[in-house]
């Protein structure tokens, strides 16, 4: 049975400094360090529920279980992520604590 609203005031207060309404594009790809997977989950919900955006990430399993993949499997997930990027209207970089990892820099460099 469903409980109270997920996106309640306490949930949204953490993101009060961000104006997601400025994002006009419909298909959004989230990029950032897997260290901050909680942000991915929360921002995905905000964008989908409050703004009706189509949100993509590299891999849910990769986001939640990166340490369980072999190097070869992880590389394949990153290749798929690059393919997904080309089908997006915008990229939202989750720059938590000014940290952007190596894989994320590679993804961003393809658009320079």
N, C-alpha and C. Protein backbone atom coordinates (compact mmCIF):
# COMPACT_ATOMS: atom_id res chain seq x y z
N UNK A 1 0.84 -1.18 0.00
CA UNK A 1 0.00 0.00 0.00
C UNK A 1 0.89 1.25 0.00
N UNK A 2 0.52 2.22 -0.80
CA UNK A 2 1.28 3.46 -0.88
C UNK A 2 1.05 4.30 0.36
N UNK A 3 2.09 5.04 0.71
CA UNK A 3 2.03 5.88 1.91
C UNK A 3 1.89 7.34 1.50
N UNK A 4 2.38 8.22 2.33
CA UNK A 4 2.30 9.65 2.06
C UNK A 4 3.16 10.01 0.85
N UNK A 5 3.01 11.20 0.38
CA UNK A 5 3.75 11.67 -0.79
C UNK A 5 5.26 11.56 -0.57
N UNK A 6 5.94 11.03 -1.55
CA UNK A 6 7.41 10.93 -1.49
C UNK A 6 8.02 12.32 -1.57
N UNK A 7 7.51 13.13 -2.47
CA UNK A 7 8.08 14.47 -2.67
C UNK A 7 7.43 15.47 -1.72
N UNK A 8 7.51 15.17 -0.45
CA UNK A 8 6.96 16.06 0.56
C UNK A 8 7.93 17.22 0.84
N UNK A 9 7.54 18.11 1.71
CA UNK A 9 8.36 19.29 1.99
C UNK A 9 9.77 18.92 2.46
N UNK A 10 9.89 17.97 3.35
CA UNK A 10 11.22 17.57 3.84
C UNK A 10 12.11 17.06 2.71
N UNK A 11 11.52 16.29 1.81
CA UNK A 11 12.26 15.76 0.66
C UNK A 11 12.73 16.90 -0.23
N UNK A 12 11.83 17.81 -0.54
CA UNK A 12 12.12 18.89 -1.49
C UNK A 12 12.99 20.00 -0.91
N UNK A 13 13.00 20.16 0.40
CA UNK A 13 13.81 21.21 1.03
C UNK A 13 15.28 21.10 0.67
N UNK A 14 15.77 19.90 0.51
CA UNK A 14 17.17 19.69 0.16
C UNK A 14 17.53 20.33 -1.19
N UNK A 15 16.53 20.50 -2.05
CA UNK A 15 16.77 21.02 -3.40
C UNK A 15 16.15 22.39 -3.61
N UNK A 16 15.87 23.12 -2.55
CA UNK A 16 15.21 24.41 -2.68
C UNK A 16 16.06 25.45 -3.41
N UNK A 17 17.37 25.26 -3.46
CA UNK A 17 18.25 26.21 -4.16
C UNK A 17 18.28 26.01 -5.67
N UNK A 18 17.63 24.97 -6.15
CA UNK A 18 17.66 24.64 -7.57
C UNK A 18 16.31 24.93 -8.21
N UNK A 19 16.36 25.58 -9.34
CA UNK A 19 15.13 25.90 -10.06
C UNK A 19 15.00 24.98 -11.26
N UNK A 20 14.46 23.79 -11.01
CA UNK A 20 14.31 22.80 -12.07
C UNK A 20 13.31 23.25 -13.14
N UNK A 21 12.50 24.22 -12.83
CA UNK A 21 11.51 24.71 -13.81
C UNK A 21 12.19 25.39 -15.00
N UNK A 22 13.44 25.77 -14.85
CA UNK A 22 14.18 26.39 -15.96
C UNK A 22 14.57 25.39 -17.04
N UNK A 23 14.48 24.12 -16.73
CA UNK A 23 14.82 23.09 -17.72
C UNK A 23 13.64 22.95 -18.68
N UNK A 24 13.83 23.40 -19.90
CA UNK A 24 12.76 23.38 -20.90
C UNK A 24 12.77 22.09 -21.73
N UNK A 25 13.92 21.46 -21.82
CA UNK A 25 14.04 20.24 -22.61
C UNK A 25 13.24 19.12 -21.97
N UNK A 26 12.81 18.17 -22.78
CA UNK A 26 11.97 17.09 -22.28
C UNK A 26 12.77 15.84 -21.90
N UNK A 27 13.75 15.47 -22.69
CA UNK A 27 14.54 14.26 -22.43
C UNK A 27 15.87 14.65 -21.80
N UNK A 28 16.05 14.27 -20.54
CA UNK A 28 17.19 14.69 -19.73
C UNK A 28 18.04 13.48 -19.36
N UNK A 29 19.34 13.59 -19.54
CA UNK A 29 20.27 12.54 -19.14
C UNK A 29 21.04 13.04 -17.92
N UNK A 30 20.99 12.28 -16.82
CA UNK A 30 21.71 12.66 -15.60
C UNK A 30 23.12 12.10 -15.64
N UNK A 31 24.09 12.96 -15.39
CA UNK A 31 25.50 12.60 -15.38
C UNK A 31 26.11 13.08 -14.07
N UNK A 32 26.95 12.27 -13.48
CA UNK A 32 27.63 12.65 -12.25
C UNK A 32 28.30 11.45 -11.63
N UNK A 33 28.92 11.67 -10.52
CA UNK A 33 29.65 10.60 -9.85
C UNK A 33 28.70 9.63 -9.17
N UNK A 34 29.01 8.35 -9.29
CA UNK A 34 28.22 7.32 -8.62
C UNK A 34 28.30 7.45 -7.10
N UNK A 35 29.27 8.22 -6.62
CA UNK A 35 29.37 8.47 -5.18
C UNK A 35 28.11 9.10 -4.63
N UNK A 36 27.40 9.79 -5.49
CA UNK A 36 26.24 10.57 -5.06
C UNK A 36 24.95 9.99 -5.63
N UNK A 37 24.83 8.66 -5.57
CA UNK A 37 23.68 7.99 -6.16
C UNK A 37 22.35 8.44 -5.55
N UNK A 38 22.37 8.86 -4.30
CA UNK A 38 21.13 9.34 -3.69
C UNK A 38 20.59 10.57 -4.43
N UNK A 39 21.49 11.42 -4.91
CA UNK A 39 21.07 12.58 -5.67
C UNK A 39 20.41 12.17 -6.99
N UNK A 40 21.00 11.17 -7.66
CA UNK A 40 20.41 10.69 -8.91
C UNK A 40 18.96 10.27 -8.69
N UNK A 41 18.75 9.46 -7.66
CA UNK A 41 17.43 8.93 -7.37
C UNK A 41 16.45 10.06 -7.06
N UNK A 42 16.85 10.98 -6.23
CA UNK A 42 15.96 12.06 -5.82
C UNK A 42 15.66 13.02 -6.97
N UNK A 43 16.69 13.42 -7.70
CA UNK A 43 16.48 14.37 -8.79
C UNK A 43 15.68 13.73 -9.91
N UNK A 44 15.90 12.45 -10.16
CA UNK A 44 15.09 11.75 -11.15
C UNK A 44 13.60 11.84 -10.78
N UNK A 45 13.29 11.59 -9.52
CA UNK A 45 11.89 11.66 -9.08
C UNK A 45 11.33 13.06 -9.21
N UNK A 46 12.08 14.05 -8.80
CA UNK A 46 11.62 15.44 -8.90
C UNK A 46 11.32 15.80 -10.35
N UNK A 47 12.25 15.50 -11.24
CA UNK A 47 12.07 15.85 -12.65
C UNK A 47 10.90 15.11 -13.29
N UNK A 48 10.73 13.85 -12.93
CA UNK A 48 9.66 13.06 -13.54
C UNK A 48 8.29 13.42 -12.96
N UNK A 49 8.19 13.50 -11.64
CA UNK A 49 6.89 13.72 -11.02
C UNK A 49 6.45 15.18 -11.10
N UNK A 50 7.34 16.09 -10.75
CA UNK A 50 6.95 17.51 -10.71
C UNK A 50 7.02 18.20 -12.07
N UNK A 51 7.88 17.70 -12.98
CA UNK A 51 8.07 18.41 -14.25
C UNK A 51 7.79 17.54 -15.48
N UNK A 52 7.41 16.29 -15.27
CA UNK A 52 7.03 15.37 -16.35
C UNK A 52 8.13 15.21 -17.41
N UNK A 53 9.37 15.18 -16.96
CA UNK A 53 10.51 14.99 -17.86
C UNK A 53 10.79 13.50 -18.03
N UNK A 54 11.34 13.15 -19.18
CA UNK A 54 11.82 11.79 -19.42
C UNK A 54 13.28 11.76 -19.01
N UNK A 55 13.59 11.03 -17.96
CA UNK A 55 14.91 11.06 -17.36
C UNK A 55 15.63 9.74 -17.61
N UNK A 56 16.88 9.81 -18.05
CA UNK A 56 17.72 8.64 -18.29
C UNK A 56 18.98 8.74 -17.44
N UNK A 57 19.50 7.59 -17.08
CA UNK A 57 20.83 7.49 -16.48
C UNK A 57 21.53 6.34 -17.19
N UNK A 58 22.80 6.20 -16.93
CA UNK A 58 23.57 5.14 -17.58
C UNK A 58 22.94 3.78 -17.32
N UNK A 59 22.83 3.40 -16.05
CA UNK A 59 22.33 2.09 -15.67
C UNK A 59 21.90 2.13 -14.21
N UNK A 60 20.69 1.70 -13.93
CA UNK A 60 20.23 1.66 -12.54
C UNK A 60 21.09 0.68 -11.75
N UNK A 61 21.32 -0.49 -12.32
CA UNK A 61 22.16 -1.48 -11.64
C UNK A 61 23.57 -0.93 -11.44
N UNK A 62 24.08 -0.25 -12.45
CA UNK A 62 25.40 0.36 -12.33
C UNK A 62 25.45 1.43 -11.25
N UNK A 63 24.38 2.20 -11.17
CA UNK A 63 24.30 3.25 -10.16
C UNK A 63 24.30 2.66 -8.75
N UNK A 64 23.58 1.58 -8.57
CA UNK A 64 23.42 1.00 -7.24
C UNK A 64 24.51 0.00 -6.85
N UNK A 65 25.14 -0.61 -7.85
CA UNK A 65 26.05 -1.73 -7.57
C UNK A 65 27.35 -1.67 -8.36
N UNK A 66 27.92 -0.51 -8.54
CA UNK A 66 29.11 -0.36 -9.38
C UNK A 66 30.22 -1.34 -9.00
N UNK A 67 30.43 -1.55 -7.71
CA UNK A 67 31.54 -2.38 -7.25
C UNK A 67 31.37 -3.86 -7.61
N UNK A 68 30.20 -4.25 -8.06
CA UNK A 68 29.95 -5.66 -8.39
C UNK A 68 30.23 -6.00 -9.85
N UNK A 69 30.60 -5.02 -10.66
CA UNK A 69 30.85 -5.24 -12.08
C UNK A 69 32.33 -5.45 -12.35
N UNK A 70 32.61 -6.29 -13.33
CA UNK A 70 33.99 -6.42 -13.79
C UNK A 70 34.34 -5.17 -14.60
N UNK A 71 35.59 -4.98 -14.86
CA UNK A 71 36.03 -3.84 -15.67
C UNK A 71 35.39 -3.90 -17.05
N UNK A 72 35.34 -5.09 -17.63
CA UNK A 72 34.76 -5.26 -18.96
C UNK A 72 33.27 -4.91 -18.97
N UNK A 73 32.54 -5.38 -17.93
CA UNK A 73 31.12 -5.07 -17.85
C UNK A 73 30.89 -3.57 -17.68
N UNK A 74 31.70 -2.94 -16.84
CA UNK A 74 31.56 -1.51 -16.61
C UNK A 74 31.83 -0.73 -17.88
N UNK A 75 32.86 -1.13 -18.61
CA UNK A 75 33.17 -0.46 -19.88
C UNK A 75 31.99 -0.57 -20.86
N UNK A 76 31.35 -1.72 -20.89
CA UNK A 76 30.19 -1.90 -21.78
C UNK A 76 29.03 -0.99 -21.35
N UNK A 77 28.81 -0.87 -20.05
CA UNK A 77 27.77 0.04 -19.57
C UNK A 77 28.08 1.48 -19.97
N UNK A 78 29.35 1.86 -19.91
CA UNK A 78 29.73 3.22 -20.29
C UNK A 78 29.53 3.45 -21.79
N UNK A 79 29.80 2.44 -22.60
CA UNK A 79 29.55 2.55 -24.05
C UNK A 79 28.07 2.77 -24.32
N UNK A 80 27.23 2.02 -23.62
CA UNK A 80 25.78 2.18 -23.78
C UNK A 80 25.35 3.58 -23.33
N UNK A 81 25.93 4.07 -22.25
CA UNK A 81 25.60 5.41 -21.76
C UNK A 81 25.91 6.46 -22.82
N UNK A 82 27.03 6.32 -23.50
CA UNK A 82 27.38 7.27 -24.56
C UNK A 82 26.36 7.22 -25.69
N UNK A 83 25.88 6.04 -26.02
CA UNK A 83 24.85 5.91 -27.06
C UNK A 83 23.55 6.57 -26.60
N UNK A 84 23.20 6.38 -25.34
CA UNK A 84 21.98 7.00 -24.80
C UNK A 84 22.07 8.52 -24.84
N UNK A 85 23.26 9.05 -24.60
CA UNK A 85 23.45 10.50 -24.58
C UNK A 85 23.04 11.16 -25.88
N UNK A 86 23.29 10.50 -26.98
CA UNK A 86 22.99 11.08 -28.29
C UNK A 86 21.49 11.22 -28.55
N UNK A 87 20.68 10.56 -27.77
CA UNK A 87 19.23 10.61 -27.95
C UNK A 87 18.55 11.57 -26.98
N UNK A 88 19.32 12.38 -26.29
CA UNK A 88 18.77 13.26 -25.26
C UNK A 88 18.69 14.71 -25.75
N UNK A 89 17.78 15.45 -25.14
CA UNK A 89 17.67 16.88 -25.43
C UNK A 89 18.65 17.70 -24.60
N UNK A 90 18.99 17.18 -23.41
CA UNK A 90 19.88 17.92 -22.50
C UNK A 90 20.58 16.96 -21.55
N UNK A 91 21.68 17.44 -21.01
CA UNK A 91 22.43 16.71 -20.00
C UNK A 91 22.40 17.55 -18.73
N UNK A 92 22.02 16.92 -17.63
CA UNK A 92 22.06 17.60 -16.34
C UNK A 92 23.21 16.99 -15.55
N UNK A 93 24.22 17.79 -15.29
CA UNK A 93 25.41 17.34 -14.56
C UNK A 93 25.19 17.54 -13.08
N UNK A 94 25.24 16.44 -12.34
CA UNK A 94 25.10 16.50 -10.89
C UNK A 94 26.49 16.71 -10.31
N UNK A 95 26.82 17.97 -10.12
CA UNK A 95 28.15 18.37 -9.67
C UNK A 95 28.14 18.56 -8.16
N UNK A 96 28.03 17.46 -7.44
CA UNK A 96 27.95 17.50 -5.99
C UNK A 96 29.34 17.74 -5.42
N UNK A 97 29.47 18.73 -4.59
CA UNK A 97 30.75 19.07 -3.95
C UNK A 97 31.87 19.29 -4.97
N UNK A 98 31.51 19.79 -6.14
CA UNK A 98 32.49 20.09 -7.21
C UNK A 98 33.28 18.86 -7.64
N UNK A 99 32.63 17.69 -7.59
CA UNK A 99 33.32 16.46 -7.97
C UNK A 99 32.69 15.87 -9.23
N UNK A 100 33.48 15.79 -10.29
CA UNK A 100 33.09 15.13 -11.52
C UNK A 100 34.13 14.05 -11.78
N UNK A 101 33.68 12.81 -11.87
CA UNK A 101 34.59 11.69 -12.07
C UNK A 101 35.11 11.57 -13.49
N UNK A 102 36.05 10.67 -13.71
CA UNK A 102 36.69 10.47 -15.01
C UNK A 102 35.68 10.04 -16.07
N UNK A 103 34.81 9.07 -15.75
CA UNK A 103 33.82 8.61 -16.72
C UNK A 103 32.87 9.72 -17.13
N UNK A 104 32.49 10.56 -16.19
CA UNK A 104 31.58 11.65 -16.49
C UNK A 104 32.27 12.69 -17.38
N UNK A 105 33.55 12.96 -17.14
CA UNK A 105 34.29 13.90 -17.98
C UNK A 105 34.36 13.39 -19.41
N UNK A 106 34.54 12.08 -19.57
CA UNK A 106 34.56 11.50 -20.92
C UNK A 106 33.23 11.73 -21.62
N UNK A 107 32.12 11.51 -20.91
CA UNK A 107 30.81 11.70 -21.49
C UNK A 107 30.59 13.15 -21.90
N UNK A 108 31.03 14.07 -21.06
CA UNK A 108 30.84 15.49 -21.35
C UNK A 108 31.72 15.97 -22.49
N UNK A 109 32.90 15.39 -22.64
CA UNK A 109 33.83 15.80 -23.68
C UNK A 109 33.34 15.48 -25.09
N UNK A 110 32.44 14.52 -25.24
CA UNK A 110 31.97 14.21 -26.59
C UNK A 110 31.08 15.32 -27.16
N UNK A 111 30.65 16.24 -26.30
CA UNK A 111 29.80 17.33 -26.77
C UNK A 111 30.53 18.64 -26.93
N UNK A 112 31.84 18.62 -26.79
CA UNK A 112 32.62 19.87 -26.96
C UNK A 112 32.92 20.11 -28.41
